[in-house]
Protein backbone atom coordinates (compact mmCIF):
# COMPACT_ATOMS: atom_id res chain seq x y z
CA MET A 1 -27.43 -18.52 86.23
CA GLN A 2 -30.32 -19.55 88.54
CA ILE A 3 -32.57 -19.06 85.78
CA HIS A 4 -30.96 -21.05 83.23
CA LEU A 5 -29.79 -23.37 85.36
CA LYS A 6 -33.50 -23.95 86.27
CA THR A 7 -34.60 -24.17 82.80
CA CYS A 8 -31.80 -26.35 81.92
CA LEU A 9 -33.09 -29.04 84.50
CA GLU A 10 -36.17 -28.72 83.30
CA ARG A 11 -35.20 -29.83 79.86
CA THR A 12 -32.78 -32.46 81.25
CA LYS A 13 -35.76 -33.96 83.30
CA ASP A 14 -37.79 -34.18 80.26
CA PHE A 15 -35.08 -35.52 78.31
CA LEU A 16 -34.18 -38.59 80.64
CA ASN A 17 -37.87 -39.27 81.09
CA THR A 18 -38.51 -39.49 77.31
CA PRO A 19 -37.97 -43.34 76.34
CA SER A 20 -35.63 -43.65 73.76
CA SER A 21 -33.94 -46.91 72.09
CA LEU A 22 -30.53 -45.32 72.51
CA PRO A 23 -28.21 -44.59 75.87
CA LYS A 24 -28.32 -41.05 76.53
CA ILE A 25 -25.73 -38.33 77.23
CA ILE A 26 -25.78 -34.46 77.67
CA ILE A 27 -23.84 -32.01 75.65
CA ILE A 28 -23.30 -28.83 76.88
CA TYR A 29 -21.39 -26.32 74.36
CA GLY A 30 -20.60 -22.79 73.54
CA PRO A 31 -18.06 -20.66 72.77
CA THR A 32 -15.18 -19.82 75.20
CA ALA A 33 -15.84 -17.75 78.39
CA CYS A 34 -19.79 -18.44 78.04
CA GLY A 35 -20.00 -20.50 81.02
CA LYS A 36 -19.97 -24.07 80.16
CA THR A 37 -17.46 -25.10 83.14
CA ARG A 38 -20.07 -23.64 85.86
CA LEU A 39 -23.09 -25.12 84.14
CA SER A 40 -21.75 -28.53 83.88
CA ILE A 41 -20.94 -28.78 87.30
CA GLU A 42 -24.30 -27.61 88.76
CA LEU A 43 -25.80 -30.18 86.19
CA ALA A 44 -23.67 -33.02 87.52
CA LYS A 45 -24.26 -32.15 90.70
CA HIS A 46 -27.54 -32.41 90.54
CA LEU A 47 -27.78 -35.82 88.51
CA ASP A 48 -24.44 -37.42 90.90
CA THR A 49 -22.62 -38.12 87.36
CA GLU A 50 -19.52 -36.98 86.14
CA VAL A 51 -17.99 -34.68 83.36
CA ILE A 52 -15.92 -35.36 80.23
CA SER A 53 -14.19 -32.50 78.80
CA ALA A 54 -13.91 -31.80 75.31
CA ASP A 55 -11.65 -29.13 74.79
CA SER A 56 -8.61 -29.85 72.71
CA ARG A 57 -6.02 -27.57 74.66
CA GLN A 58 -6.97 -28.55 78.44
CA ILE A 59 -5.79 -32.17 77.28
CA TYR A 60 -2.48 -30.92 77.96
CA ARG A 61 -0.44 -31.28 81.00
CA TYR A 62 0.80 -27.91 82.91
CA MET A 63 -1.37 -25.36 80.61
CA ASP A 64 -3.65 -24.38 82.81
CA ARG A 65 -4.19 -20.76 83.29
CA GLY A 66 -3.89 -20.08 79.63
CA THR A 67 -6.74 -22.73 78.72
CA GLY A 68 -9.24 -21.81 81.56
CA LYS A 69 -8.68 -25.16 82.72
CA VAL A 70 -11.11 -26.01 85.94
CA THR A 71 -9.35 -25.97 89.05
CA LYS A 72 -9.86 -28.14 91.84
CA GLU A 73 -11.71 -25.99 93.86
CA GLU A 74 -14.22 -25.29 91.15
CA MET A 75 -14.85 -28.94 90.77
CA GLN A 76 -15.97 -29.58 94.11
CA TRP A 77 -16.58 -33.21 94.22
CA ILE A 78 -17.15 -33.65 90.78
CA LYS A 79 -14.94 -36.30 88.89
CA HIS A 80 -13.62 -34.94 85.57
CA HIS A 81 -12.14 -36.86 82.60
CA MET A 82 -10.02 -36.08 79.83
CA LEU A 83 -7.83 -33.42 81.58
CA ASP A 84 -4.18 -33.36 81.45
CA ILE A 85 -3.74 -36.73 79.62
CA ARG A 86 -0.94 -35.56 76.93
CA ASN A 87 2.20 -33.73 77.58
CA PRO A 88 2.54 -30.39 75.28
CA ASP A 89 4.69 -31.74 72.69
CA GLU A 90 2.54 -34.88 72.33
CA SER A 91 0.22 -34.89 69.27
CA TYR A 92 -3.46 -36.03 70.01
CA SER A 93 -5.99 -36.64 67.19
CA VAL A 94 -9.85 -36.41 67.20
CA GLY A 95 -9.72 -40.57 66.29
CA ALA A 96 -7.82 -40.82 69.76
CA TYR A 97 -10.34 -38.42 71.52
CA GLN A 98 -13.46 -40.14 70.43
CA LYS A 99 -12.20 -43.76 71.44
CA GLU A 100 -11.23 -42.56 74.95
CA ALA A 101 -14.34 -40.62 75.32
CA PHE A 102 -16.61 -43.74 74.49
CA GLN A 103 -14.76 -46.05 76.79
CA ILE A 104 -15.58 -43.53 79.45
CA ILE A 105 -18.82 -43.31 78.39
CA GLU A 106 -19.78 -46.76 78.43
CA ASN A 107 -18.28 -47.03 82.08
CA LEU A 108 -20.69 -44.49 83.49
CA HIS A 109 -23.52 -45.98 81.58
CA SER A 110 -22.69 -49.30 83.28
CA ARG A 111 -22.62 -47.46 86.63
CA LYS A 112 -26.52 -46.07 85.77
CA LYS A 113 -24.89 -42.45 85.38
CA THR A 114 -25.49 -39.74 82.55
CA PRO A 115 -22.23 -38.60 80.92
CA ILE A 116 -21.84 -34.93 80.68
CA LEU A 117 -19.58 -34.04 77.95
CA CYS A 118 -18.34 -30.42 78.17
CA GLY A 119 -16.50 -27.91 75.91
CA GLY A 120 -15.65 -25.89 73.15
CA THR A 121 -14.20 -28.12 70.58
CA GLY A 122 -16.61 -28.64 67.91
CA LEU A 123 -14.66 -31.87 66.34
CA TYR A 124 -14.08 -33.99 69.39
CA LEU A 125 -18.19 -33.21 70.33
CA ASP A 126 -19.14 -33.80 66.65
CA SER A 127 -17.36 -37.41 66.69
CA VAL A 128 -19.06 -38.44 69.83
CA ALA A 129 -22.41 -36.97 69.25
CA PHE A 130 -22.50 -37.97 65.33
CA HIS A 131 -20.40 -40.77 65.38
CA PHE A 132 -18.06 -39.22 62.69
CA ASP A 133 -15.08 -41.44 61.64
CA ILE A 134 -11.95 -40.09 59.48
CA PRO A 135 -10.04 -42.82 57.86
CA PRO A 136 -6.39 -43.03 58.43
CA MET A 137 -4.34 -41.60 56.05
CA GLU A 138 -0.33 -41.93 55.54
CA PRO A 139 1.38 -38.66 56.16
CA ASP A 140 3.22 -37.18 53.09
CA TRP A 141 6.24 -35.48 54.46
CA GLU A 142 7.65 -33.87 51.75
CA TYR A 143 4.48 -31.97 51.22
CA ARG A 144 4.45 -31.34 54.87
CA ASP A 145 7.96 -29.87 54.82
CA ALA A 146 7.24 -27.59 52.07
CA LEU A 147 4.21 -26.51 54.13
CA GLU A 148 6.55 -26.07 57.17
CA LYS A 149 8.92 -23.75 54.89
CA ILE A 150 5.50 -21.29 53.78
CA ARG A 151 4.99 -21.04 57.37
CA THR A 152 8.46 -20.24 58.84
CA GLU A 153 9.01 -17.61 55.95
CA LYS A 154 5.42 -16.25 56.16
CA GLY A 155 3.89 -17.08 59.27
CA ASN A 156 0.93 -18.91 60.73
CA GLU A 157 -1.80 -16.43 59.25
CA TYR A 158 -0.42 -16.91 55.67
CA LEU A 159 -0.74 -20.52 55.68
CA TRP A 160 -4.11 -20.42 57.65
CA ASN A 161 -5.33 -18.17 54.83
CA MET A 162 -4.02 -20.61 51.87
CA LEU A 163 -6.87 -23.30 53.95
CA GLU A 164 -9.07 -20.91 54.23
CA THR A 165 -9.27 -20.13 50.42
CA LEU A 166 -9.43 -23.58 49.44
CA ASP A 167 -11.73 -25.13 52.54
CA SER A 168 -13.21 -22.16 54.42
CA GLU A 169 -15.88 -23.76 56.26
CA TYR A 170 -13.24 -26.52 57.75
CA ALA A 171 -10.54 -23.51 58.02
CA GLN A 172 -13.21 -21.99 60.76
CA THR A 173 -12.58 -24.93 63.22
CA ILE A 174 -8.94 -24.46 63.36
CA HIS A 175 -7.03 -21.31 64.91
CA PRO A 176 -4.30 -19.74 62.65
CA ASN A 177 -1.90 -20.78 65.54
CA SER A 178 -2.48 -24.32 65.58
CA HIS A 179 -0.38 -24.85 62.71
CA HIS A 180 0.11 -28.64 62.95
CA ALA A 181 -3.60 -29.00 62.30
CA VAL A 182 -3.74 -26.40 59.17
CA ILE A 183 -0.88 -28.36 57.65
CA ARG A 184 -2.62 -31.68 57.83
CA ALA A 185 -5.95 -30.07 56.62
CA LEU A 186 -3.77 -28.69 53.69
CA GLU A 187 -2.12 -32.24 52.73
CA VAL A 188 -5.67 -33.95 53.04
CA LEU A 189 -6.86 -31.37 50.42
CA GLU A 190 -3.78 -31.93 48.26
CA LYS A 191 -3.63 -36.04 48.27
CA THR A 192 -7.43 -36.51 48.01
CA GLY A 193 -9.18 -33.11 46.72
CA LYS A 194 -11.48 -33.29 49.33
CA SER A 195 -12.04 -31.47 52.65
CA LYS A 196 -11.43 -33.29 56.17
CA GLY A 197 -14.79 -32.44 56.76
CA GLU A 198 -16.22 -34.26 53.46
CA LEU A 199 -14.25 -37.27 54.30
CA ARG A 200 -15.63 -37.90 57.69
CA VAL A 201 -17.49 -40.88 57.52
CA LYS A 202 -21.24 -40.43 59.69
CA LYS A 203 -22.29 -43.94 60.89
CA ASP A 204 -25.41 -44.86 63.00
CA PRO A 205 -25.82 -42.56 66.09
CA LEU A 206 -24.38 -44.21 69.22
CA PHE A 207 -26.51 -42.01 71.70
CA ASP A 208 -29.70 -40.17 71.97
CA VAL A 209 -28.16 -36.31 72.82
CA LEU A 210 -29.29 -33.40 74.51
CA PHE A 211 -27.63 -30.37 73.78
CA LEU A 212 -27.38 -27.41 76.20
CA THR A 213 -25.35 -24.20 76.05
CA PRO A 214 -25.50 -21.25 78.95
CA TYR A 215 -24.84 -18.73 75.77
CA ASP A 216 -27.75 -16.37 75.61
CA GLY A 217 -26.65 -14.84 72.27
CA ASP A 218 -25.21 -11.47 73.66
CA ARG A 219 -22.28 -11.00 71.91
CA GLU A 220 -20.83 -7.98 73.09
CA LYS A 221 -21.33 -9.28 76.82
CA LEU A 222 -19.71 -12.39 75.56
CA TYR A 223 -16.73 -10.15 74.43
CA GLU A 224 -16.42 -8.65 77.44
CA ARG A 225 -16.25 -11.86 79.54
CA ILE A 226 -13.50 -13.05 77.06
CA ASN A 227 -11.65 -9.42 78.23
CA VAL A 228 -12.24 -10.05 81.86
CA ARG A 229 -11.15 -13.61 81.74
CA ILE A 230 -7.92 -12.57 80.30
CA GLU A 231 -7.30 -10.04 82.66
CA GLU A 232 -7.73 -12.77 85.46
CA MET A 233 -5.30 -15.48 83.51
CA PHE A 234 -2.49 -12.72 83.91
CA THR A 235 -3.14 -11.95 87.47
CA LEU A 236 -3.58 -15.70 88.55
CA GLY A 237 -0.09 -16.25 86.76
CA LEU A 238 -0.06 -16.78 83.16
CA VAL A 239 3.27 -15.52 82.57
CA ASP A 240 4.74 -17.56 85.26
CA GLU A 241 2.93 -20.81 83.97
CA VAL A 242 4.55 -20.37 80.73
CA LYS A 243 7.82 -19.38 81.91
CA GLY A 244 7.91 -22.45 83.95
CA ILE A 245 6.78 -24.57 81.11
CA LEU A 246 9.80 -23.59 78.78
CA GLU A 247 12.27 -23.40 81.86
CA LYS A 248 11.53 -26.78 83.25
CA TRP A 249 9.80 -28.81 80.40
CA TYR A 250 9.63 -27.97 76.84
CA SER A 251 10.56 -25.58 74.12
CA SER A 252 8.54 -22.66 72.61
CA ASP A 253 8.00 -24.78 69.10
CA CYS A 254 6.32 -27.52 70.78
CA LYS A 255 2.77 -28.61 69.47
CA GLY A 256 0.78 -27.40 72.88
CA LEU A 257 2.26 -23.92 73.17
CA TRP A 258 0.98 -22.81 69.71
CA THR A 259 -2.19 -22.02 70.83
CA ILE A 260 -3.99 -18.95 71.95
CA GLY A 261 -2.42 -17.63 75.23
CA TYR A 262 0.92 -19.13 75.02
CA LYS A 263 2.31 -18.27 71.68
CA GLU A 264 1.66 -14.58 72.33
CA VAL A 265 3.20 -14.82 75.81
CA ILE A 266 6.21 -16.38 74.53
CA GLU A 267 6.35 -13.48 72.19
CA TYR A 268 6.23 -11.05 75.24
CA LEU A 269 8.92 -13.02 77.06
CA ASP A 270 11.12 -12.62 73.80
CA GLY A 271 10.57 -8.86 73.74
CA LYS A 272 8.40 -8.86 70.78
CA CYS A 273 5.61 -6.87 72.39
CA THR A 274 4.38 -5.01 75.78
CA THR A 275 2.41 -6.73 78.60
CA LEU A 276 -0.51 -4.73 77.16
CA GLU A 277 -0.03 -5.47 73.69
CA CYS A 278 0.18 -9.44 74.50
CA LYS A 279 -3.26 -9.18 76.71
CA ALA A 280 -4.34 -7.48 73.79
CA LYS A 281 -3.65 -9.96 70.81
CA ILE A 282 -4.94 -12.60 73.14
CA GLN A 283 -8.12 -11.07 73.67
CA GLN A 284 -8.24 -10.60 70.23
CA GLY A 285 -7.54 -14.23 69.43
CA ASN A 286 -10.03 -15.37 71.86
CA ARG A 287 -12.97 -13.01 70.26
CA ASN A 288 -11.96 -14.63 66.90
CA TYR A 289 -12.14 -18.14 67.93
CA ALA A 290 -15.57 -17.52 69.76
CA LYS A 291 -16.77 -16.06 66.28
CA ARG A 292 -15.63 -19.55 64.53
CA GLN A 293 -17.21 -21.66 67.78
CA LEU A 294 -20.44 -19.94 67.23
CA THR A 295 -20.56 -20.51 63.38
CA TRP A 296 -19.82 -24.39 64.09
CA PHE A 297 -22.28 -24.78 66.89
CA ARG A 298 -25.11 -23.31 64.64
CA ARG A 299 -26.20 -27.11 64.12
CA TYR A 300 -26.66 -28.00 67.69
CA GLN A 301 -28.98 -25.33 68.01
CA GLU A 302 -31.46 -26.84 65.35
CA TRP A 303 -30.78 -30.76 66.50
CA ASN A 304 -32.88 -30.61 69.76
CA LYS A 305 -35.74 -28.75 67.67
């Protein structure tokens, strides 16, 4: 990390010293478990700035262990934004994220600070970096109900495969367990004949962006880090966290819990799998997610060349 941090600091110094007509932001990206959080905090300390999370799961309150959410101790004295801003049963969109992130960025710029966005949700990062806009569309409840019936009968994977067959590129940005997002993507295809990705309108850029990643390209090492992280999640109390959420606040079918690490633990609590099987499912789910992230983030590697 020390060698990589030194390289990032040098790139950051060059970036900030290069004149630009646009205000500057830094984006730290990469697959899950690659070290984004640590790098963002070290860089924020060096620049005396704040971090804006770009993680579609860490927006949810009470969901800490299973999302790898940064702890108060890990934050040190660095302020973090866009964490714990919604309850697990609340919906949240890319457009809502973009709007809130723009407000925070504007505030940081007004205080002469360089915002650092950190996360692995490509759609969130794209909405800020490339100023994408997705036009609003009225829901088709009849079609959604039909898709929900298919999901109930045949499962999340079957529904995701439907999307992957029709729109492989966009499907790679969604985990099969995120069935609300899968249904919405299929609905958009049905109503417009176009992918949600195609409907994104790219406006004039608002920021000069530096993309940084701690990922070194070693996929085998990344997968091992993912496996270790899942073991740590269980040691730190992931099962008790899920139990608490179910007992105190929400049902197992709420939006936030249909994600990697939570759906599998719910299956374990329902007696559908053993602890070892549960861990293996979460590890495999995270490895698959990392593959999709790496595909999505290839464009970032080209951006700063």
